Structure formats: C-alpha cells, structure tokens
Amino acid sequence: MFADGIESILSEEADIEVVGKCYDGEAVFTELAEKEIDLILLDVNLPKMNGIEVCKKLFKEKTNIKVLALSMFNEESYVTEILNNGAQGYILKNTGRTELLKSIKTVFEGQSYFSPAVTQTIMKGLVKGSESSKAANLNIPKVSRREKEVLELIVKEHTTQEIADQLFISLKTVESHRANLLAKLNARNTAGLVRIAMENNLIDV
C-alpha cells in the first residue's frame, strides 16, 4: 500500500517515471538487470536483503545509480551505516509530498538531502562523539578558505548554480572545488562530504 501510494504521487510528475517496484532487497538486482534506473528510493527495512546490504552491493559493483534512503527509523545507527555505504540522502516515511519530490530531485541532481529530523539525529550523534571526532580531525587534510566556503554551502543543500552565484565564481570552478574536496576528504559522494564535514567540525552549522 505504501509503495502504491508513492507511485501514485510520482506518476503525476511529468519529469519522473516509475519503472519498477520491488518488495524485497534481492528483487532490486533483478530489476537492475532488465531496466535502466537512475535513482532508487530504498527502504532500509526489507526482507531477504535489507536496504543497507543493497546499498553496499550497489557501490561494490560501482554502479552510478543514486540512492535515496526511505525509512520509518530515525536511529543514528541506521542513518550512519547507509550513508557510509553510499546513499546520497535519507528521508522519513512521514515525509509529505512536497518534501518527497524535493528530495528525489535534489539527489537526482547529485546533491544530498536529509529530512530535518534526520539532520537533528546526525547532529546529536556528533555531539556524543565529539571527543573521537577531535582525534579523527588530526588526520584530516587542510582545506582552503574557498574550499571551506563551498563545503559549507554544499552542507546547506545549495545547488552548484546557487554556490556559483553566491561566491561569484563559475560553475566549472565550483565543480573543481567539489572534486578537490572529494579527493582531500576521501569521500565517495556529496553525502560523504557532508558526513565528514560534520564529524570533523570543518564547518560552522
């Protein structure tokens, strides 16, 4: 019923096409073998293979598919683990239509997206782990002032165009800074940048 409801909402959007629905984790890979898929709206709690295991396998196989996690669980362990395994965003099942559409389009464009409540959960976890974060920070390469400015805007969910406009730089320069940050911080994607930035107090939030 929940999946049908999501499909009903998305079917009204001209720029979104639902190409399949899966009711267990293993079925995801059957669909991938038969269809071209850009983004998976992935529940964390699935039979046969849970969402975290699905995400881990997707990135082990080096697919370019974007993953937006969807769950009723807002526990730090779930959020952290699926993000560490490559998901670009995490929203809750009580998300409304407007936020659902925004999150899908944001992740599709290569940005990260978190429900406000999920962001709070991440921040609380960072506060609890502040001491270990300070220790980890010793191994983080130094970022330049401009890279820090770009990183702060990425964390605040600004698009590449918005970052370019705010900092009065070109889109190409923004992408160059993003690539440098990914390399320096050893992150696989934008969600990884956000996590590392928060864990190591690289930005003011």
N, C-alpha and C. Protein backbone atom coordinates (compact mmCIF):
# COMPACT_ATOMS: atom_id res chain seq x y z
N MET A 1 0.83 -1.20 0.00
CA MET A 1 0.00 0.00 0.00
C MET A 1 0.86 1.26 0.00
N PHE A 2 1.94 1.23 0.79
CA PHE A 2 2.83 2.40 0.85
C PHE A 2 3.50 2.63 -0.50
N ALA A 3 4.00 1.54 -1.10
CA ALA A 3 4.66 1.65 -2.40
C ALA A 3 3.69 2.16 -3.46
N ASP A 4 2.45 1.69 -3.42
CA ASP A 4 1.44 2.15 -4.37
C ASP A 4 1.16 3.63 -4.18
N GLY A 5 1.17 4.08 -2.93
CA GLY A 5 0.93 5.49 -2.65
C GLY A 5 2.04 6.36 -3.20
N ILE A 6 3.29 5.92 -3.02
CA ILE A 6 4.44 6.64 -3.56
C ILE A 6 4.34 6.71 -5.08
N GLU A 7 4.01 5.58 -5.70
CA GLU A 7 3.90 5.53 -7.16
C GLU A 7 2.82 6.48 -7.65
N SER A 8 1.71 6.56 -6.94
CA SER A 8 0.62 7.44 -7.32
C SER A 8 1.06 8.90 -7.31
N ILE A 9 1.82 9.27 -6.28
CA ILE A 9 2.32 10.64 -6.19
C ILE A 9 3.28 10.95 -7.35
N LEU A 10 4.20 10.04 -7.61
CA LEU A 10 5.23 10.28 -8.62
C LEU A 10 4.67 10.22 -10.04
N SER A 11 3.60 9.46 -10.23
CA SER A 11 3.03 9.33 -11.57
C SER A 11 2.44 10.65 -12.08
N GLU A 12 2.19 11.58 -11.16
CA GLU A 12 1.64 12.88 -11.55
C GLU A 12 2.72 13.87 -11.96
N GLU A 13 3.98 13.47 -11.82
CA GLU A 13 5.10 14.35 -12.16
C GLU A 13 5.60 14.04 -13.58
N ALA A 14 5.60 15.05 -14.43
CA ALA A 14 5.97 14.85 -15.83
C ALA A 14 7.42 14.43 -16.02
N ASP A 15 8.29 14.86 -15.10
CA ASP A 15 9.72 14.58 -15.27
C ASP A 15 10.21 13.39 -14.45
N ILE A 16 9.28 12.62 -13.89
CA ILE A 16 9.64 11.42 -13.14
C ILE A 16 8.88 10.22 -13.70
N GLU A 17 9.59 9.14 -13.93
CA GLU A 17 8.96 7.91 -14.41
C GLU A 17 9.30 6.76 -13.45
N VAL A 18 8.27 6.13 -12.91
CA VAL A 18 8.47 4.96 -12.06
C VAL A 18 8.60 3.74 -12.99
N VAL A 19 9.76 3.11 -12.97
CA VAL A 19 10.00 2.00 -13.89
C VAL A 19 9.87 0.64 -13.22
N GLY A 20 9.68 0.63 -11.89
CA GLY A 20 9.52 -0.65 -11.22
C GLY A 20 9.34 -0.50 -9.72
N LYS A 21 8.82 -1.56 -9.11
CA LYS A 21 8.67 -1.63 -7.66
C LYS A 21 9.18 -2.99 -7.19
N CYS A 22 9.88 -2.99 -6.07
CA CYS A 22 10.42 -4.23 -5.51
C CYS A 22 9.96 -4.36 -4.07
N TYR A 23 9.70 -5.59 -3.67
CA TYR A 23 9.20 -5.81 -2.32
C TYR A 23 10.20 -6.57 -1.44
N ASP A 24 11.38 -6.83 -1.97
CA ASP A 24 12.48 -7.35 -1.16
C ASP A 24 13.79 -6.90 -1.79
N GLY A 25 14.87 -6.95 -1.01
CA GLY A 25 16.15 -6.43 -1.48
C GLY A 25 16.72 -7.16 -2.68
N GLU A 26 16.56 -8.46 -2.74
CA GLU A 26 17.12 -9.22 -3.85
C GLU A 26 16.48 -8.84 -5.17
N ALA A 27 15.18 -8.49 -5.14
CA ALA A 27 14.46 -8.15 -6.37
C ALA A 27 15.01 -6.88 -7.03
N VAL A 28 15.67 -6.05 -6.22
CA VAL A 28 16.25 -4.81 -6.78
C VAL A 28 17.22 -5.15 -7.91
N PHE A 29 18.04 -6.18 -7.71
CA PHE A 29 19.06 -6.51 -8.69
C PHE A 29 18.49 -7.21 -9.92
N THR A 30 17.34 -7.86 -9.76
CA THR A 30 16.63 -8.40 -10.92
C THR A 30 16.14 -7.27 -11.80
N GLU A 31 15.58 -6.23 -11.16
CA GLU A 31 15.11 -5.05 -11.89
C GLU A 31 16.27 -4.35 -12.60
N LEU A 32 17.39 -4.23 -11.91
CA LEU A 32 18.54 -3.53 -12.49
C LEU A 32 19.08 -4.25 -13.72
N ALA A 33 18.95 -5.56 -13.75
CA ALA A 33 19.44 -6.34 -14.89
C ALA A 33 18.56 -6.15 -16.12
N GLU A 34 17.33 -5.68 -15.91
CA GLU A 34 16.36 -5.59 -17.00
C GLU A 34 16.03 -4.17 -17.41
N LYS A 35 16.31 -3.19 -16.55
CA LYS A 35 15.87 -1.82 -16.82
C LYS A 35 16.97 -0.81 -16.54
N GLU A 36 16.85 0.35 -17.18
CA GLU A 36 17.76 1.45 -16.90
C GLU A 36 17.16 2.29 -15.77
N ILE A 37 17.90 2.42 -14.69
CA ILE A 37 17.39 3.10 -13.50
C ILE A 37 18.39 4.18 -13.07
N ASP A 38 17.88 5.38 -12.81
CA ASP A 38 18.73 6.49 -12.39
C ASP A 38 18.80 6.62 -10.88
N LEU A 39 17.69 6.33 -10.21
CA LEU A 39 17.61 6.56 -8.76
C LEU A 39 16.72 5.50 -8.12
N ILE A 40 17.15 5.04 -6.95
CA ILE A 40 16.35 4.08 -6.19
C ILE A 40 15.89 4.74 -4.90
N LEU A 41 14.60 4.71 -4.65
CA LEU A 41 14.03 5.13 -3.37
C LEU A 41 14.00 3.87 -2.52
N LEU A 42 14.95 3.77 -1.59
CA LEU A 42 15.25 2.49 -0.96
C LEU A 42 14.86 2.45 0.52
N ASP A 43 13.95 1.55 0.85
CA ASP A 43 13.59 1.34 2.25
C ASP A 43 14.74 0.64 2.96
N VAL A 44 14.97 0.99 4.20
CA VAL A 44 16.03 0.36 4.98
C VAL A 44 15.61 -1.04 5.41
N ASN A 45 14.35 -1.19 5.78
CA ASN A 45 13.84 -2.45 6.31
C ASN A 45 13.18 -3.27 5.21
N LEU A 46 13.93 -4.22 4.63
CA LEU A 46 13.42 -5.06 3.55
C LEU A 46 13.71 -6.52 3.85
N PRO A 47 12.86 -7.45 3.40
CA PRO A 47 13.15 -8.88 3.58
C PRO A 47 14.24 -9.35 2.61
N LYS A 48 14.82 -10.49 2.91
CA LYS A 48 15.85 -11.17 2.11
C LYS A 48 17.18 -10.42 2.09
N MET A 49 17.15 -9.13 1.78
CA MET A 49 18.36 -8.31 1.80
C MET A 49 17.94 -6.91 2.18
N ASN A 50 18.41 -6.40 3.34
CA ASN A 50 17.94 -5.09 3.78
C ASN A 50 18.55 -3.96 2.95
N GLY A 51 18.05 -2.76 3.16
CA GLY A 51 18.47 -1.63 2.34
C GLY A 51 19.95 -1.32 2.45
N ILE A 52 20.52 -1.51 3.64
CA ILE A 52 21.95 -1.24 3.83
C ILE A 52 22.78 -2.23 3.01
N GLU A 53 22.36 -3.51 2.99
CA GLU A 53 23.07 -4.52 2.21
C GLU A 53 22.93 -4.26 0.72
N VAL A 54 21.74 -3.81 0.31
CA VAL A 54 21.51 -3.46 -1.10
C VAL A 54 22.45 -2.33 -1.50
N CYS A 55 22.50 -1.31 -0.68
CA CYS A 55 23.34 -0.14 -0.95
C CYS A 55 24.81 -0.54 -1.04
N LYS A 56 25.24 -1.38 -0.12
CA LYS A 56 26.63 -1.84 -0.09
C LYS A 56 26.98 -2.58 -1.38
N LYS A 57 26.08 -3.44 -1.85
CA LYS A 57 26.33 -4.21 -3.07
C LYS A 57 26.34 -3.29 -4.29
N LEU A 58 25.44 -2.32 -4.32
CA LEU A 58 25.39 -1.38 -5.44
C LEU A 58 26.73 -0.67 -5.62
N PHE A 59 27.31 -0.22 -4.52
CA PHE A 59 28.55 0.53 -4.61
C PHE A 59 29.77 -0.38 -4.77
N LYS A 60 29.65 -1.62 -4.32
CA LYS A 60 30.71 -2.59 -4.56
C LYS A 60 30.81 -2.89 -6.04
N GLU A 61 29.66 -2.91 -6.72
CA GLU A 61 29.62 -3.16 -8.16
C GLU A 61 29.83 -1.90 -8.97
N LYS A 62 30.08 -0.77 -8.27
CA LYS A 62 30.41 0.51 -8.90
C LYS A 62 29.33 0.98 -9.89
N THR A 63 28.09 0.85 -9.51
CA THR A 63 27.02 1.39 -10.33
C THR A 63 26.94 2.89 -10.11
N ASN A 64 26.35 3.59 -11.05
CA ASN A 64 26.19 5.04 -10.94
C ASN A 64 24.79 5.43 -10.47
N ILE A 65 24.07 4.46 -9.96
CA ILE A 65 22.70 4.70 -9.53
C ILE A 65 22.70 5.47 -8.21
N LYS A 66 21.89 6.50 -8.13
CA LYS A 66 21.78 7.28 -6.90
C LYS A 66 20.76 6.62 -5.98
N VAL A 67 21.02 6.71 -4.67
CA VAL A 67 20.16 6.06 -3.69
C VAL A 67 19.65 7.09 -2.68
N LEU A 68 18.34 7.14 -2.54
CA LEU A 68 17.70 7.95 -1.51
C LEU A 68 17.04 7.00 -0.53
N ALA A 69 17.57 6.94 0.69
CA ALA A 69 17.03 6.03 1.70
C ALA A 69 15.71 6.55 2.23
N LEU A 70 14.80 5.63 2.46
CA LEU A 70 13.47 5.95 2.97
C LEU A 70 13.17 5.00 4.11
N SER A 71 12.82 5.53 5.27
CA SER A 71 12.64 4.64 6.42
C SER A 71 11.72 5.25 7.46
N MET A 72 11.16 4.38 8.29
CA MET A 72 10.42 4.84 9.45
C MET A 72 11.36 4.98 10.64
N PHE A 73 12.60 4.48 10.49
CA PHE A 73 13.58 4.52 11.57
C PHE A 73 14.45 5.78 11.49
N ASN A 74 14.56 6.48 12.61
CA ASN A 74 15.39 7.66 12.66
C ASN A 74 16.51 7.49 13.68
N GLU A 75 17.02 6.25 13.78
CA GLU A 75 18.11 5.98 14.70
C GLU A 75 19.45 6.29 14.02
N GLU A 76 20.38 6.79 14.80
CA GLU A 76 21.69 7.19 14.27
C GLU A 76 22.39 6.04 13.55
N SER A 77 22.28 4.83 14.09
CA SER A 77 22.99 3.69 13.51
C SER A 77 22.52 3.41 12.08
N TYR A 78 21.20 3.46 11.86
CA TYR A 78 20.67 3.23 10.51
C TYR A 78 21.14 4.32 9.56
N VAL A 79 21.01 5.57 9.99
CA VAL A 79 21.37 6.71 9.14
C VAL A 79 22.84 6.65 8.77
N THR A 80 23.70 6.48 9.77
CA THR A 80 25.14 6.49 9.53
C THR A 80 25.57 5.35 8.63
N GLU A 81 25.04 4.16 8.87
CA GLU A 81 25.51 3.00 8.12
C GLU A 81 25.12 3.08 6.66
N ILE A 82 23.90 3.49 6.36
CA ILE A 82 23.50 3.51 4.94
C ILE A 82 24.20 4.66 4.21
N LEU A 83 24.47 5.76 4.91
CA LEU A 83 25.23 6.85 4.28
C LEU A 83 26.67 6.43 4.03
N ASN A 84 27.23 5.69 4.97
CA ASN A 84 28.61 5.21 4.82
C ASN A 84 28.73 4.24 3.65
N ASN A 85 27.61 3.62 3.27
CA ASN A 85 27.62 2.67 2.17
C ASN A 85 27.11 3.27 0.86
N GLY A 86 27.05 4.61 0.82
CA GLY A 86 26.84 5.27 -0.47
C GLY A 86 25.52 5.95 -0.73
N ALA A 87 24.56 5.88 0.18
CA ALA A 87 23.29 6.59 -0.06
C ALA A 87 23.54 8.09 -0.05
N GLN A 88 22.84 8.81 -0.92
CA GLN A 88 23.04 10.26 -1.01
C GLN A 88 22.05 11.06 -0.17
N GLY A 89 21.05 10.39 0.38
CA GLY A 89 20.07 11.10 1.19
C GLY A 89 19.29 10.14 2.07
N TYR A 90 18.55 10.70 3.03
CA TYR A 90 17.77 9.88 3.96
C TYR A 90 16.54 10.67 4.38
N ILE A 91 15.37 10.14 4.06
CA ILE A 91 14.11 10.78 4.45
C ILE A 91 13.25 9.79 5.22
N LEU A 92 12.31 10.34 5.98
CA LEU A 92 11.44 9.50 6.79
C LEU A 92 10.10 9.26 6.10
N LYS A 93 9.42 8.19 6.51
CA LYS A 93 8.17 7.82 5.86
C LYS A 93 7.01 8.77 6.15
N ASN A 94 7.19 9.65 7.12
CA ASN A 94 6.13 10.64 7.37
C ASN A 94 6.36 11.91 6.54
N THR A 95 7.32 11.83 5.62
CA THR A 95 7.60 12.95 4.72
C THR A 95 6.38 13.26 3.86
N GLY A 96 6.10 14.55 3.68
CA GLY A 96 4.97 14.96 2.85
C GLY A 96 5.32 14.95 1.37
N ARG A 97 4.34 15.15 0.53
CA ARG A 97 4.51 15.13 -0.93
C ARG A 97 5.57 16.11 -1.40
N THR A 98 5.50 17.35 -0.90
CA THR A 98 6.43 18.39 -1.36
C THR A 98 7.87 18.02 -1.05
N GLU A 99 8.12 17.56 0.18
CA GLU A 99 9.48 17.19 0.56
C GLU A 99 9.94 15.95 -0.18
N LEU A 100 9.05 15.01 -0.41
CA LEU A 100 9.39 13.80 -1.16
C LEU A 100 9.91 14.16 -2.54
N LEU A 101 9.16 15.01 -3.24
CA LEU A 101 9.55 15.40 -4.60
C LEU A 101 10.86 16.19 -4.58
N LYS A 102 11.00 17.08 -3.59
CA LYS A 102 12.23 17.87 -3.48
C LYS A 102 13.43 16.97 -3.24
N SER A 103 13.27 15.98 -2.36
CA SER A 103 14.39 15.10 -2.03
C SER A 103 14.82 14.27 -3.23
N ILE A 104 13.86 13.76 -3.98
CA ILE A 104 14.17 12.96 -5.17
C ILE A 104 14.92 13.79 -6.20
N LYS A 105 14.42 14.99 -6.48
CA LYS A 105 15.05 15.84 -7.49
C LYS A 105 16.42 16.32 -7.03
N THR A 106 16.57 16.58 -5.72
CA THR A 106 17.85 17.04 -5.19
C THR A 106 18.91 15.94 -5.32
N VAL A 107 18.56 14.72 -4.94
CA VAL A 107 19.50 13.60 -5.04
C VAL A 107 19.80 13.27 -6.50
N PHE A 108 18.78 13.34 -7.35
CA PHE A 108 18.99 13.07 -8.78
C PHE A 108 20.01 14.04 -9.37
N GLU A 109 20.01 15.29 -8.89
CA GLU A 109 20.93 16.31 -9.39
C GLU A 109 22.33 16.20 -8.79
N GLY A 110 22.53 15.19 -7.93
CA GLY A 110 23.86 14.97 -7.39
C GLY A 110 24.12 15.60 -6.04
N GLN A 111 23.07 16.16 -5.43
CA GLN A 111 23.21 16.78 -4.12
C GLN A 111 22.72 15.80 -3.05
N SER A 112 23.00 16.10 -1.80
CA SER A 112 22.50 15.27 -0.70
C SER A 112 21.23 15.89 -0.12
N TYR A 113 20.40 15.05 0.50
CA TYR A 113 19.17 15.55 1.12
C TYR A 113 18.84 14.72 2.35
N PHE A 114 18.52 15.42 3.44
CA PHE A 114 18.12 14.75 4.67
C PHE A 114 16.87 15.43 5.21
N SER A 115 15.93 14.63 5.70
CA SER A 115 14.78 15.20 6.41
C SER A 115 15.30 15.98 7.61
N PRO A 116 14.63 17.08 7.98
CA PRO A 116 15.08 17.87 9.13
C PRO A 116 15.31 17.03 10.39
N ALA A 117 14.42 16.09 10.65
CA ALA A 117 14.57 15.24 11.84
C ALA A 117 15.81 14.37 11.74
N VAL A 118 16.15 13.93 10.53
CA VAL A 118 17.35 13.11 10.33
C VAL A 118 18.60 13.95 10.57
N THR A 119 18.57 15.19 10.11
CA THR A 119 19.69 16.10 10.35
C THR A 119 19.93 16.27 11.85
N GLN A 120 18.85 16.40 12.61
CA GLN A 120 18.97 16.53 14.07
C GLN A 120 19.59 15.29 14.68
N THR A 121 19.20 14.13 14.18
CA THR A 121 19.75 12.87 14.68
C THR A 121 21.25 12.81 14.42
N ILE A 122 21.66 13.21 13.23
CA ILE A 122 23.08 13.22 12.89
C ILE A 122 23.84 14.16 13.81
N MET A 123 23.28 15.34 14.05
CA MET A 123 23.95 16.33 14.89
C MET A 123 24.08 15.84 16.33
N LYS A 124 23.04 15.19 16.86
CA LYS A 124 23.10 14.66 18.22
C LYS A 124 24.19 13.60 18.34
N GLY A 125 24.31 12.78 17.31
CA GLY A 125 25.34 11.75 17.32
C GLY A 125 26.73 12.36 17.30
N LEU A 126 26.87 13.47 16.57
CA LEU A 126 28.16 14.13 16.51
C LEU A 126 28.54 14.74 17.85
N VAL A 127 27.54 15.26 18.55
CA VAL A 127 27.80 15.83 19.88
C VAL A 127 28.30 14.74 20.82
N LYS A 128 27.65 13.57 20.78
CA LYS A 128 28.06 12.46 21.65
C LYS A 128 29.46 11.96 21.32
N GLY A 129 29.81 12.05 20.05
CA GLY A 129 31.12 11.54 19.64
C GLY A 129 32.15 12.63 19.46
N SER A 130 31.98 13.74 20.13
CA SER A 130 32.86 14.90 19.91
C SER A 130 34.32 14.59 20.21
N GLU A 131 34.59 13.80 21.25
CA GLU A 131 35.97 13.52 21.60
C GLU A 131 36.68 12.71 20.52
N SER A 132 35.98 11.69 20.01
CA SER A 132 36.59 10.88 18.96
C SER A 132 36.73 11.68 17.68
N SER A 133 35.81 12.63 17.48
CA SER A 133 35.88 13.49 16.30
C SER A 133 37.12 14.35 16.34
N LYS A 134 37.47 14.86 17.53
CA LYS A 134 38.66 15.69 17.66
C LYS A 134 39.91 14.89 17.31
N ALA A 135 39.93 13.64 17.73
CA ALA A 135 41.07 12.79 17.43
C ALA A 135 41.16 12.53 15.93
N ALA A 136 40.01 12.26 15.32
CA ALA A 136 39.98 11.99 13.89
C ALA A 136 40.38 13.21 13.08
N ASN A 137 40.06 14.38 13.61
CA ASN A 137 40.34 15.63 12.92
C ASN A 137 41.84 15.83 12.67
N LEU A 138 42.68 15.18 13.46
CA LEU A 138 44.12 15.32 13.31
C LEU A 138 44.59 14.76 11.98
N ASN A 139 43.81 13.81 11.41
CA ASN A 139 44.19 13.18 10.16
C ASN A 139 43.50 13.78 8.94
N ILE A 140 42.73 14.82 9.13
CA ILE A 140 42.01 15.44 8.02
C ILE A 140 42.90 16.48 7.35
N PRO A 141 43.09 16.37 6.02
CA PRO A 141 43.91 17.36 5.31
C PRO A 141 43.32 18.77 5.44
N LYS A 142 44.17 19.77 5.37
CA LYS A 142 43.72 21.15 5.48
C LYS A 142 42.99 21.56 4.21
N VAL A 143 41.84 22.22 4.36
CA VAL A 143 41.11 22.74 3.22
C VAL A 143 41.29 24.24 3.15
N SER A 144 41.28 24.77 1.94
CA SER A 144 41.48 26.20 1.76
C SER A 144 40.24 26.98 2.19
N ARG A 145 40.40 28.30 2.32
CA ARG A 145 39.26 29.14 2.71
C ARG A 145 38.12 29.01 1.70
N ARG A 146 38.45 29.03 0.41
CA ARG A 146 37.41 28.94 -0.61
C ARG A 146 36.76 27.56 -0.60
N GLU A 147 37.56 26.51 -0.41
CA GLU A 147 37.00 25.16 -0.34
C GLU A 147 36.05 25.04 0.84
N LYS A 148 36.40 25.68 1.96
CA LYS A 148 35.52 25.66 3.13
C LYS A 148 34.21 26.37 2.84
N GLU A 149 34.27 27.48 2.12
CA GLU A 149 33.05 28.21 1.75
C GLU A 149 32.16 27.34 0.88
N VAL A 150 32.76 26.66 -0.08
CA VAL A 150 32.00 25.77 -0.96
C VAL A 150 31.40 24.62 -0.14
N LEU A 151 32.20 24.05 0.76
CA LEU A 151 31.75 22.94 1.59
C LEU A 151 30.56 23.34 2.46
N GLU A 152 30.62 24.52 3.06
CA GLU A 152 29.51 24.99 3.90
C GLU A 152 28.22 25.11 3.09
N LEU A 153 28.32 25.59 1.86
CA LEU A 153 27.12 25.74 1.02
C LEU A 153 26.60 24.38 0.55
N ILE A 154 27.52 23.44 0.33
CA ILE A 154 27.09 22.08 -0.03
C ILE A 154 26.29 21.47 1.12
N VAL A 155 26.81 21.62 2.35
CA VAL A 155 26.13 21.08 3.53
C VAL A 155 24.76 21.71 3.71
N LYS A 156 24.63 22.97 3.33
CA LYS A 156 23.34 23.67 3.44
C LYS A 156 22.42 23.38 2.26
N GLU A 157 22.82 22.40 1.42
CA GLU A 157 22.00 21.88 0.33
C GLU A 157 21.81 22.85 -0.82
N HIS A 158 22.77 23.76 -1.03
CA HIS A 158 22.71 24.65 -2.19
C HIS A 158 23.14 23.89 -3.44
N THR A 159 22.53 24.22 -4.56
CA THR A 159 22.91 23.60 -5.84
C THR A 159 24.21 24.21 -6.33
N THR A 160 24.79 23.58 -7.34
CA THR A 160 26.03 24.10 -7.92
C THR A 160 25.84 25.52 -8.43
N GLN A 161 24.71 25.77 -9.09
CA GLN A 161 24.43 27.11 -9.61
C GLN A 161 24.32 28.12 -8.48
N GLU A 162 23.64 27.75 -7.41
CA GLU A 162 23.47 28.66 -6.28
C GLU A 162 24.81 28.97 -5.62
N ILE A 163 25.68 27.96 -5.52
CA ILE A 163 27.02 28.18 -4.94
C ILE A 163 27.82 29.15 -5.81
N ALA A 164 27.75 28.92 -7.13
CA ALA A 164 28.46 29.81 -8.06
C ALA A 164 27.97 31.25 -7.93
N ASP A 165 26.65 31.41 -7.83
CA ASP A 165 26.07 32.76 -7.73
C ASP A 165 26.48 33.44 -6.42
N GLN A 166 26.44 32.71 -5.32
CA GLN A 166 26.76 33.30 -4.02
C GLN A 166 28.23 33.67 -3.88
N LEU A 167 29.10 32.87 -4.47
CA LEU A 167 30.53 33.11 -4.32
C LEU A 167 31.12 33.86 -5.51
N PHE A 168 30.27 34.17 -6.52
CA PHE A 168 30.69 34.91 -7.71
C PHE A 168 31.82 34.19 -8.44
N ILE A 169 31.63 32.88 -8.61
CA ILE A 169 32.59 32.07 -9.35
C ILE A 169 31.83 31.26 -10.40
N SER A 170 32.54 30.65 -11.33
CA SER A 170 31.90 29.89 -12.40
C SER A 170 31.47 28.51 -11.92
N LEU A 171 30.56 27.90 -12.69
CA LEU A 171 30.13 26.53 -12.38
C LEU A 171 31.33 25.57 -12.43
N LYS A 172 32.21 25.79 -13.40
CA LYS A 172 33.39 24.94 -13.55
C LYS A 172 34.28 25.02 -12.32
N THR A 173 34.40 26.23 -11.75
CA THR A 173 35.23 26.41 -10.56
C THR A 173 34.60 25.71 -9.35
N VAL A 174 33.27 25.79 -9.24
CA VAL A 174 32.58 25.09 -8.15
C VAL A 174 32.84 23.60 -8.25
N GLU A 175 32.70 23.04 -9.47
CA GLU A 175 32.91 21.61 -9.66
C GLU A 175 34.35 21.22 -9.35
N SER A 176 35.29 22.12 -9.67
CA SER A 176 36.69 21.86 -9.37
C SER A 176 36.93 21.79 -7.86
N HIS A 177 36.33 22.74 -7.12
CA HIS A 177 36.45 22.73 -5.66
C HIS A 177 35.81 21.47 -5.08
N ARG A 178 34.65 21.07 -5.64
CA ARG A 178 33.96 19.87 -5.15
C ARG A 178 34.85 18.64 -5.37
N ALA A 179 35.46 18.55 -6.54
CA ALA A 179 36.34 17.41 -6.85
C ALA A 179 37.53 17.38 -5.90
N ASN A 180 38.11 18.56 -5.63
CA ASN A 180 39.24 18.64 -4.70
C ASN A 180 38.84 18.19 -3.30
N LEU A 181 37.65 18.60 -2.87
CA LEU A 181 37.17 18.23 -1.54
C LEU A 181 36.95 16.72 -1.44
N LEU A 182 36.37 16.14 -2.50
CA LEU A 182 36.14 14.69 -2.51
C LEU A 182 37.47 13.95 -2.37
N ALA A 183 38.49 14.44 -3.08
CA ALA A 183 39.80 13.79 -3.04
C ALA A 183 40.48 13.98 -1.68
N LYS A 184 40.47 15.23 -1.18
CA LYS A 184 41.14 15.53 0.09
C LYS A 184 40.52 14.77 1.26
N LEU A 185 39.18 14.71 1.27
CA LEU A 185 38.48 14.12 2.40
C LEU A 185 38.17 12.64 2.19
N ASN A 186 38.60 12.11 1.04
CA ASN A 186 38.42 10.69 0.75
C ASN A 186 36.94 10.30 0.82
N ALA A 187 36.09 11.14 0.20
CA ALA A 187 34.65 10.90 0.19
C ALA A 187 34.23 10.39 -1.19
N ARG A 188 33.23 9.53 -1.22
CA ARG A 188 32.79 8.97 -2.50
C ARG A 188 31.74 9.82 -3.19
N ASN A 189 31.02 10.63 -2.41
CA ASN A 189 29.96 11.43 -2.98
C ASN A 189 29.65 12.61 -2.07
N THR A 190 28.65 13.40 -2.44
CA THR A 190 28.30 14.59 -1.67
C THR A 190 27.85 14.24 -0.26
N ALA A 191 27.11 13.16 -0.12
CA ALA A 191 26.67 12.75 1.22
C ALA A 191 27.87 12.44 2.10
N GLY A 192 28.91 11.85 1.50
CA GLY A 192 30.12 11.57 2.26
C GLY A 192 30.82 12.85 2.69
N LEU A 193 30.82 13.85 1.83
CA LEU A 193 31.39 15.15 2.19
C LEU A 193 30.67 15.75 3.39
N VAL A 194 29.35 15.69 3.36
CA VAL A 194 28.54 16.24 4.44
C VAL A 194 28.86 15.53 5.75
N ARG A 195 28.90 14.21 5.70
CA ARG A 195 29.17 13.43 6.92
C ARG A 195 30.55 13.75 7.48
N ILE A 196 31.57 13.75 6.63
CA ILE A 196 32.93 14.01 7.09
C ILE A 196 33.08 15.43 7.62
N ALA A 197 32.43 16.38 6.95
CA ALA A 197 32.50 17.78 7.40
C ALA A 197 31.92 17.93 8.79
N MET A 198 30.79 17.27 9.04
CA MET A 198 30.14 17.38 10.34
C MET A 198 30.91 16.63 11.42
N GLU A 199 31.40 15.45 11.07
CA GLU A 199 32.12 14.63 12.06
C GLU A 199 33.42 15.31 12.53
N ASN A 200 34.01 16.10 11.64
CA ASN A 200 35.31 16.69 11.94
C ASN A 200 35.29 18.19 12.15
N ASN A 201 34.06 18.72 12.34
CA ASN A 201 33.91 20.14 12.67
C ASN A 201 34.61 21.06 11.66
N LEU A 202 34.47 20.72 10.36
CA LEU A 202 35.12 21.52 9.33
C LEU A 202 34.32 22.76 8.97
N ILE A 203 33.06 22.81 9.43
CA ILE A 203 32.20 23.93 9.06
C ILE A 203 31.46 24.44 10.28
N ASP A 204 30.90 25.62 10.16
CA ASP A 204 30.06 26.19 11.21
C ASP A 204 28.61 25.89 10.86
N VAL A 205 27.89 25.19 11.75
CA VAL A 205 26.49 24.83 11.49
C VAL A 205 25.60 25.46 12.52
